[in-house]
Amino acid sequence: MKIAIDATAIPTGTKKGGVSSYILSLISELEKFDYVNEYYIFIKKEDLAFFRLETDNFKFIQCNVNSKLIRLIWEQLILPRYIKKYKIDLIHSPHYTIPIMLNQCKKVVTFHDMTFFLFPEMHIYYKRIIFKKMIPTSAAKADLIISVSDNTAKDIHALLNISKEKLRVIPLGVNSKFRVIRNVQLLNDVKRKYKTSDKFIFYLGTLEPRKNIHNLIRAYHLAINNEKIGHKLVIAGEKGWDYKKLFKLVDDLQINDQVIFIGFVSENELPLLYNAADLFVYPSIYEGFGIPVLEAMSCGVPVISSSVSSLPEIVKNAGLLVEPNNIERLSQAICEVIINRDLNQKLSKLGLKRASQYSWEKTAKETLRVYEDVFYNDN
């Protein structure tokens, strides 16, 4: 089987987020065990360094797509020509949209969440317009849709009227870098670099409204006032839209010395920050999956997360789940985990056990099974 994977959706630059991790990890894992099928990976030149490039059955085709608009045009008009040229049997589009006029091969698409429909106000205008039109069309044209969680699959079924038979749930994985690290010198070094203080609560995610960071800050403010905990709140992640309101909130609450915004963190330093933290809090309003929660559990840090969307199915009983708008309960949960050492250690152990059930290898093997089912069951 000749399989094409469109990896051009990986954003330009070195800062690779959730969807990037999915695309890069999926291809890297497939390279490790599938020596039978032929793969044609469409990718930007700058991303070639992420792959081994010596596997005979993987061909990497460089594509000049230096903006989101050009990428969409390339996907719809140029990619079908490559599909025809290389006589591709199946194409996997791992980021919401497929070439909608393509008819000569099987098509698989991955949907990561349904925020464009559920929370359109949380996306910039042009994305709302493009994706709200392209996602339903891609869903209709695809032979099979991969969803990254049961909750997202339910949303797809309800919002797009897609039959459950056309949906396959394949959870995401976690990089092996995210593990328990006991090297005190390394942990102290990362604390000094980011000026976190010795004890801190950690959050990771884009600074945007959907992530509910404003309620985390308010809950933290309650916690330090009511229980006098000495932990700082370290917030990592790139600035998203409307991020300035978070800085203003910290100013208004007069907790500038206790809340630290550290921006983007490299994948090499991120495991150290997880390990150095006493607690990871992720109170997002909606997640298609929630990779940071899985990374935190893999590092043995106790987790508090939201009781909504896909997060309960990822965390289960391995963390505390709180309704995202219940600031008082979130504050209480933070204090409970910080003060109660037995609870802290219990959640750490449960998190490690839960996270061990996920891997990118498993994700890749289940994805290959989808390719085979789609192609061979209809041929």
Protein backbone atom coordinates (compact mmCIF):
# COMPACT_ATOMS: atom_id res chain seq x y z
CA MET A 1 0.00 0.00 0.00
CA LYS A 2 1.20 3.49 -0.85
CA ILE A 3 0.33 5.84 2.01
CA ALA A 4 0.63 9.63 1.96
CA ILE A 5 0.73 11.71 5.15
CA ASP A 6 0.33 15.46 4.91
CA ALA A 7 2.71 16.85 7.53
CA THR A 8 2.64 20.42 6.22
CA ALA A 9 0.27 21.46 9.03
CA ILE A 10 3.22 21.50 11.44
CA PRO A 11 3.66 25.23 12.23
CA THR A 12 6.76 27.10 11.14
CA GLY A 13 9.46 27.50 13.80
CA THR A 14 10.92 25.43 16.62
CA LYS A 15 7.93 25.75 18.97
CA LYS A 16 5.97 22.56 18.38
CA GLY A 17 2.64 22.13 20.18
CA GLY A 18 0.00 19.42 20.49
CA VAL A 19 -0.91 18.78 16.85
CA SER A 20 2.77 18.99 15.90
CA SER A 21 3.61 16.36 18.52
CA TYR A 22 0.90 14.13 17.08
CA ILE A 23 2.13 14.39 13.49
CA LEU A 24 5.83 14.09 14.31
CA SER A 25 5.38 11.23 16.77
CA LEU A 26 3.02 9.28 14.50
CA ILE A 27 5.45 9.35 11.57
CA SER A 28 8.50 8.62 13.75
CA GLU A 29 6.81 5.56 15.28
CA LEU A 30 5.60 4.25 11.92
CA GLU A 31 9.20 4.47 10.70
CA LYS A 32 10.27 2.16 13.51
CA PHE A 33 8.08 -0.83 12.73
CA ASP A 34 6.37 -0.61 9.33
CA TYR A 35 8.81 -1.83 6.67
CA VAL A 36 6.12 -3.14 4.33
CA ASN A 37 4.08 -0.17 3.16
CA GLU A 38 5.47 2.74 1.17
CA TYR A 39 5.09 6.16 2.78
CA TYR A 40 5.13 9.56 1.10
CA ILE A 41 5.51 12.30 3.70
CA PHE A 42 4.75 15.81 2.49
CA ILE A 43 6.68 18.16 4.72
CA LYS A 44 8.37 21.55 4.97
CA LYS A 45 12.17 21.54 4.61
CA GLU A 46 12.73 22.84 8.15
CA ASP A 47 10.96 19.80 9.65
CA LEU A 48 13.12 17.17 7.93
CA ALA A 49 15.53 17.26 10.87
CA PHE A 50 12.93 15.58 13.09
CA PHE A 51 13.17 12.28 11.16
CA ARG A 52 15.76 9.57 10.58
CA LEU A 53 15.46 9.76 6.77
CA GLU A 54 17.30 6.47 6.19
CA THR A 55 14.29 4.15 5.99
CA ASP A 56 13.94 2.90 2.42
CA ASN A 57 10.15 2.81 2.38
CA PHE A 58 9.73 6.42 3.63
CA LYS A 59 10.01 9.17 1.05
CA PHE A 60 10.02 12.77 2.31
CA ILE A 61 8.80 15.33 -0.21
CA GLN A 62 9.65 18.96 0.54
CA CYS A 63 6.84 21.46 0.08
CA ASN A 64 7.11 25.23 0.03
CA VAL A 65 4.15 26.28 2.17
CA ASN A 66 5.20 29.29 4.23
CA SER A 67 1.81 30.57 5.35
CA LYS A 68 -1.54 29.13 6.45
CA LEU A 69 -3.32 30.47 3.37
CA ILE A 70 -0.71 29.06 0.98
CA ARG A 71 -0.86 25.72 2.81
CA LEU A 72 -4.63 25.53 2.30
CA ILE A 73 -4.29 26.36 -1.40
CA TRP A 74 -1.46 23.83 -1.74
CA GLU A 75 -3.55 21.15 0.01
CA GLN A 76 -6.54 21.65 -2.25
CA LEU A 77 -4.82 22.25 -5.60
CA ILE A 78 -1.25 20.90 -5.56
CA LEU A 79 -1.40 17.89 -3.24
CA PRO A 80 -3.91 16.03 -5.47
CA ARG A 81 -1.38 16.22 -8.31
CA TYR A 82 1.23 14.55 -6.12
CA ILE A 83 -1.31 11.89 -5.13
CA LYS A 84 -1.87 11.12 -8.79
CA LYS A 85 1.85 11.28 -9.65
CA TYR A 86 2.88 8.78 -6.98
CA LYS A 87 -0.23 6.61 -7.40
CA ILE A 88 -1.13 6.91 -3.74
CA ASP A 89 -3.60 4.36 -2.35
CA LEU A 90 -4.51 6.23 0.84
CA ILE A 91 -3.90 9.70 2.23
CA HIS A 92 -3.99 10.62 5.90
CA SER A 93 -4.64 14.28 6.68
CA PRO A 94 -3.80 14.62 10.39
CA HIS A 95 -5.14 18.15 10.90
CA TYR A 96 -8.88 18.54 10.17
CA THR A 97 -8.96 19.09 6.38
CA ILE A 98 -8.47 16.93 3.30
CA PRO A 99 -8.28 17.72 -0.44
CA ILE A 100 -12.01 17.82 -1.02
CA MET A 101 -11.88 17.28 -4.82
CA LEU A 102 -9.65 14.20 -4.48
CA ASN A 103 -11.39 11.00 -5.59
CA GLN A 104 -8.68 8.58 -6.74
CA CYS A 105 -7.59 7.25 -3.33
CA LYS A 106 -8.87 6.45 0.15
CA LYS A 107 -8.95 9.31 2.65
CA VAL A 108 -8.44 9.35 6.43
CA VAL A 109 -8.63 12.55 8.48
CA THR A 110 -7.93 13.26 12.15
CA PHE A 111 -10.14 15.63 14.15
CA HIS A 112 -8.56 16.77 17.42
CA ASP A 113 -11.53 18.68 18.85
CA MET A 114 -14.69 20.51 17.87
CA THR A 115 -13.86 23.93 19.32
CA PHE A 116 -14.60 25.65 16.00
CA PHE A 117 -18.25 24.72 16.55
CA LEU A 118 -18.51 24.66 20.34
CA PHE A 119 -16.39 27.72 21.11
CA PRO A 120 -16.04 29.70 17.86
CA GLU A 121 -15.48 32.92 19.82
CA MET A 122 -12.21 31.45 21.09
CA HIS A 123 -10.66 31.37 17.60
CA ILE A 124 -9.49 34.21 15.41
CA TYR A 125 -11.93 35.23 12.69
CA TYR A 126 -10.36 33.67 9.58
CA LYS A 127 -10.01 30.28 11.29
CA ARG A 128 -13.70 30.33 12.22
CA ILE A 129 -14.68 30.96 8.61
CA ILE A 130 -12.34 28.41 7.00
CA PHE A 131 -12.65 25.53 9.44
CA LYS A 132 -16.40 25.79 9.99
CA LYS A 133 -16.79 25.24 6.24
CA MET A 134 -13.94 22.80 5.63
CA ILE A 135 -14.43 20.43 8.57
CA PRO A 136 -17.98 19.27 7.65
CA THR A 137 -16.93 18.85 4.02
CA SER A 138 -13.80 16.90 5.01
CA ALA A 139 -15.90 14.71 7.31
CA ALA A 140 -18.32 13.91 4.52
CA LYS A 141 -15.57 13.17 1.98
CA ALA A 142 -13.35 11.06 4.25
CA ASP A 143 -13.59 7.27 4.28
CA LEU A 144 -12.84 7.26 8.00
CA ILE A 145 -12.36 9.87 10.73
CA ILE A 146 -9.88 9.40 13.56
CA SER A 147 -10.88 11.06 16.84
CA VAL A 148 -8.33 11.46 19.63
CA SER A 149 -10.84 10.79 22.45
CA ASP A 150 -14.28 9.34 23.11
CA ASN A 151 -15.58 12.78 24.03
CA THR A 152 -14.41 14.30 20.75
CA ALA A 153 -15.98 11.39 18.87
CA LYS A 154 -19.32 12.12 20.59
CA ASP A 155 -19.00 15.79 19.61
CA ILE A 156 -18.24 14.88 15.99
CA HIS A 157 -21.22 12.53 15.86
CA ALA A 158 -23.58 15.10 17.37
CA LEU A 159 -22.38 18.25 15.60
CA LEU A 160 -21.64 16.87 12.13
CA ASN A 161 -24.21 14.07 12.00
CA ILE A 162 -21.47 11.53 11.26
CA SER A 163 -22.28 7.86 11.80
CA LYS A 164 -20.40 6.12 14.60
CA GLU A 165 -19.26 3.48 12.11
CA LYS A 166 -17.22 6.13 10.33
CA LEU A 167 -15.41 7.14 13.53
CA ARG A 168 -12.41 5.47 15.15
CA VAL A 169 -11.06 6.63 18.51
CA ILE A 170 -7.27 6.49 18.79
CA PRO A 171 -5.86 8.20 21.91
CA LEU A 172 -2.65 10.18 21.69
CA GLY A 173 0.59 9.14 23.36
CA VAL A 174 3.33 10.63 25.48
CA ASN A 175 7.01 11.06 24.66
CA SER A 176 9.43 8.88 26.64
CA LYS A 177 11.25 12.07 27.73
CA PHE A 178 8.42 12.62 30.17
CA ARG A 179 9.43 10.40 33.07
CA VAL A 180 10.41 10.63 36.74
CA ILE A 181 13.73 12.47 37.09
CA ARG A 182 15.54 12.25 40.42
CA ASN A 183 18.68 14.26 39.53
CA VAL A 184 18.49 17.03 42.14
CA GLN A 185 21.14 19.14 40.40
CA LEU A 186 19.15 19.21 37.13
CA LEU A 187 15.94 20.08 38.96
CA ASN A 188 17.62 22.87 40.91
CA ASP A 189 19.19 24.24 37.72
CA VAL A 190 15.82 24.53 35.96
CA LYS A 191 14.32 26.21 39.04
CA ARG A 192 17.11 28.78 39.03
CA LYS A 193 16.80 29.40 35.30
CA TYR A 194 13.08 30.15 35.49
CA LYS A 195 13.21 31.69 39.00
CA THR A 196 10.39 29.46 40.15
CA SER A 197 11.29 29.34 43.86
CA ASP A 198 11.82 25.99 45.57
CA LYS A 199 8.12 25.10 45.77
CA PHE A 200 5.69 25.86 42.98
CA ILE A 201 2.43 24.92 41.28
CA PHE A 202 2.75 24.44 37.52
CA TYR A 203 0.50 25.13 34.54
CA LEU A 204 1.32 24.61 30.84
CA GLY A 205 -0.76 25.74 27.89
CA THR A 206 -1.39 28.57 25.46
CA LEU A 207 -2.48 31.78 27.18
CA GLU A 208 -6.01 32.00 25.80
CA PRO A 209 -9.54 32.08 27.28
CA ARG A 210 -10.40 28.42 26.60
CA LYS A 211 -7.63 27.29 28.92
CA ASN A 212 -9.36 28.92 31.90
CA ILE A 213 -6.14 30.36 33.33
CA HIS A 214 -8.05 33.34 34.75
CA ASN A 215 -9.94 31.03 37.12
CA LEU A 216 -6.71 29.22 38.02
CA ILE A 217 -5.18 32.57 39.02
CA ARG A 218 -8.25 33.48 41.09
CA ALA A 219 -8.25 30.05 42.77
CA TYR A 220 -4.54 30.38 43.52
CA HIS A 221 -5.16 33.83 45.02
CA LEU A 222 -7.78 32.33 47.34
CA ALA A 223 -5.41 29.50 48.29
CA ILE A 224 -2.50 31.72 49.30
CA ASN A 225 -4.83 33.97 51.30
CA ASN A 226 -6.88 31.28 53.04
CA GLU A 227 -4.23 28.63 53.70
CA LYS A 228 -1.09 30.75 53.46
CA ILE A 229 0.63 28.19 51.22
CA GLY A 230 4.12 29.28 50.22
CA HIS A 231 4.08 27.97 46.66
CA LYS A 232 4.39 30.22 43.64
CA LEU A 233 2.27 29.70 40.52
CA VAL A 234 4.38 29.13 37.40
CA ILE A 235 2.51 29.56 34.12
CA ALA A 236 4.26 28.29 30.98
CA GLY A 237 3.01 28.68 27.42
CA GLU A 238 2.96 31.01 24.47
CA LYS A 239 0.84 34.13 24.36
CA GLY A 240 -2.48 33.47 22.67
CA TRP A 241 -5.25 35.89 21.89
CA ASP A 242 -6.57 38.03 24.77
CA TYR A 243 -3.56 37.10 26.93
CA LYS A 244 -3.14 40.67 28.30
CA LYS A 245 -6.21 40.19 30.52
CA LEU A 246 -4.25 37.57 32.49
CA PHE A 247 -1.42 40.00 33.21
CA LYS A 248 -3.97 42.63 34.27
CA LEU A 249 -5.71 40.15 36.56
CA VAL A 250 -2.42 39.39 38.31
CA ASP A 251 -1.83 43.13 38.68
CA ASP A 252 -5.33 43.73 40.05
CA LEU A 253 -4.93 40.93 42.61
CA GLN A 254 -1.47 42.28 43.55
CA ILE A 255 0.21 38.89 43.24
CA ASN A 256 2.93 39.80 40.72
CA ASP A 257 5.61 38.37 43.01
CA GLN A 258 3.80 35.04 43.35
CA VAL A 259 2.70 34.40 39.73
CA ILE A 260 5.47 33.84 37.19
CA PHE A 261 4.86 33.78 33.43
CA ILE A 262 7.80 31.98 31.80
CA GLY A 263 6.61 31.72 28.17
CA PHE A 264 7.51 28.86 25.85
CA VAL A 265 9.52 25.97 27.32
CA SER A 266 11.54 23.57 25.15
CA GLU A 267 10.69 19.87 25.16
CA ASN A 268 14.08 19.15 26.75
CA GLU A 269 13.41 21.39 29.76
CA LEU A 270 9.71 20.67 30.14
CA PRO A 271 10.15 17.25 31.83
CA LEU A 272 12.41 18.93 34.39
CA LEU A 273 9.79 21.58 35.20
CA TYR A 274 7.10 18.93 35.62
CA ASN A 275 9.36 16.98 37.96
CA ALA A 276 10.34 20.07 39.93
CA ALA A 277 6.70 21.05 40.53
CA ASP A 278 4.68 19.98 43.57
CA LEU A 279 1.40 20.09 41.65
CA PHE A 280 0.18 20.44 38.06
CA VAL A 281 -3.15 22.21 37.51
CA TYR A 282 -4.98 22.13 34.17
CA PRO A 283 -8.49 23.61 34.51
CA SER A 284 -9.31 23.89 30.79
CA ILE A 285 -12.90 24.52 29.71
CA TYR A 286 -12.59 22.16 26.73
CA GLU A 287 -9.92 19.77 25.43
CA GLY A 288 -9.99 17.30 22.59
CA PHE A 289 -7.42 15.25 24.51
CA GLY A 290 -5.12 17.09 26.93
CA ILE A 291 -1.49 16.07 26.34
CA PRO A 292 -0.06 18.23 29.19
CA VAL A 293 -2.08 16.24 31.74
CA LEU A 294 -0.63 13.00 30.39
CA GLU A 295 2.90 14.45 30.40
CA ALA A 296 2.52 15.60 34.01
CA MET A 297 1.27 12.19 35.18
CA SER A 298 4.18 10.53 33.35
CA CYS A 299 6.56 12.65 35.42
CA GLY A 300 4.90 11.64 38.69
CA VAL A 301 3.52 15.08 39.56
CA PRO A 302 0.02 15.11 41.13
CA VAL A 303 -2.66 16.48 38.80
CA ILE A 304 -5.78 18.61 39.22
CA SER A 305 -7.84 18.96 36.06
CA SER A 306 -11.31 19.78 34.76
CA SER A 307 -14.33 17.52 35.10
CA VAL A 308 -15.46 18.36 31.56
CA SER A 309 -14.78 17.36 27.93
CA SER A 310 -12.16 14.65 27.37
CA LEU A 311 -10.14 15.27 30.53
CA PRO A 312 -12.03 12.85 32.85
CA GLU A 313 -11.47 9.95 30.44
CA ILE A 314 -7.72 10.71 30.36
CA VAL A 315 -7.26 11.30 34.10
CA LYS A 316 -9.94 8.95 35.52
CA ASN A 317 -9.17 8.36 39.22
CA ALA A 318 -5.50 9.39 38.92
CA GLY A 319 -6.14 13.07 39.70
CA LEU A 320 -8.65 15.43 41.23
CA LEU A 321 -11.35 16.64 38.84
CA VAL A 322 -13.00 20.01 39.42
CA GLU A 323 -15.75 21.87 37.58
CA PRO A 324 -13.78 24.59 35.75
CA ASN A 325 -15.94 27.53 36.88
CA ASN A 326 -15.95 26.53 40.55
CA ILE A 327 -13.13 28.76 41.75
CA GLU A 328 -13.63 27.98 45.44
CA ARG A 329 -13.52 24.21 44.90
CA LEU A 330 -10.43 24.55 42.67
CA SER A 331 -8.74 26.54 45.43
CA GLN A 332 -9.67 23.88 48.00
CA ALA A 333 -8.31 21.12 45.75
CA ILE A 334 -5.02 22.98 45.34
CA CYS A 335 -4.68 23.30 49.12
CA GLU A 336 -5.62 19.65 49.70
CA VAL A 337 -2.89 18.33 47.40
CA ILE A 338 -0.26 20.76 48.69
CA ILE A 339 -0.95 20.22 52.39
CA ASN A 340 -1.91 16.52 52.48
CA ARG A 341 1.31 14.60 51.73
CA ASP A 342 -0.49 11.24 51.68
CA LEU A 343 -2.89 12.51 48.99
CA ASN A 344 0.02 14.03 47.09
CA GLN A 345 1.91 10.74 47.00
CA LYS A 346 -1.22 8.74 46.22
CA LEU A 347 -2.02 10.90 43.17
CA SER A 348 1.61 10.69 42.04
CA LYS A 349 1.52 6.88 42.02
CA LEU A 350 -1.92 6.69 40.41
CA GLY A 351 -0.83 9.16 37.73
CA LEU A 352 2.24 7.13 36.83
CA LYS A 353 0.14 3.99 36.53
CA ARG A 354 -2.48 5.72 34.40
CA ALA A 355 0.06 7.37 32.08
CA SER A 356 1.80 4.04 31.45
CA GLN A 357 -1.26 2.95 29.47
CA TYR A 358 -0.53 5.51 26.74
CA SER A 359 2.28 5.49 24.17
CA TRP A 360 2.93 6.86 20.69
CA GLU A 361 3.81 3.33 19.60
CA LYS A 362 0.27 2.22 20.47
CA THR A 363 -1.14 5.28 18.67
CA ALA A 364 0.86 4.49 15.53
CA LYS A 365 -0.07 0.77 15.50
CA GLU A 366 -3.77 1.55 15.86
CA THR A 367 -3.48 4.15 13.10
CA LEU A 368 -1.85 1.64 10.76
CA ARG A 369 -4.73 -0.72 11.51
CA VAL A 370 -7.10 2.04 10.34
CA TYR A 371 -5.16 2.40 7.08
CA GLU A 372 -5.39 -1.35 6.50
CA ASP A 373 -9.08 -1.52 7.37
CA VAL A 374 -9.98 1.36 5.07
CA PHE A 375 -7.93 0.10 2.13
CA TYR A 376 -8.26 -3.67 2.27
CA ASN A 377 -11.85 -3.93 3.45
CA ASP A 378 -13.02 -2.10 0.33
CA ASN A 379 -10.67 -3.76 -2.14
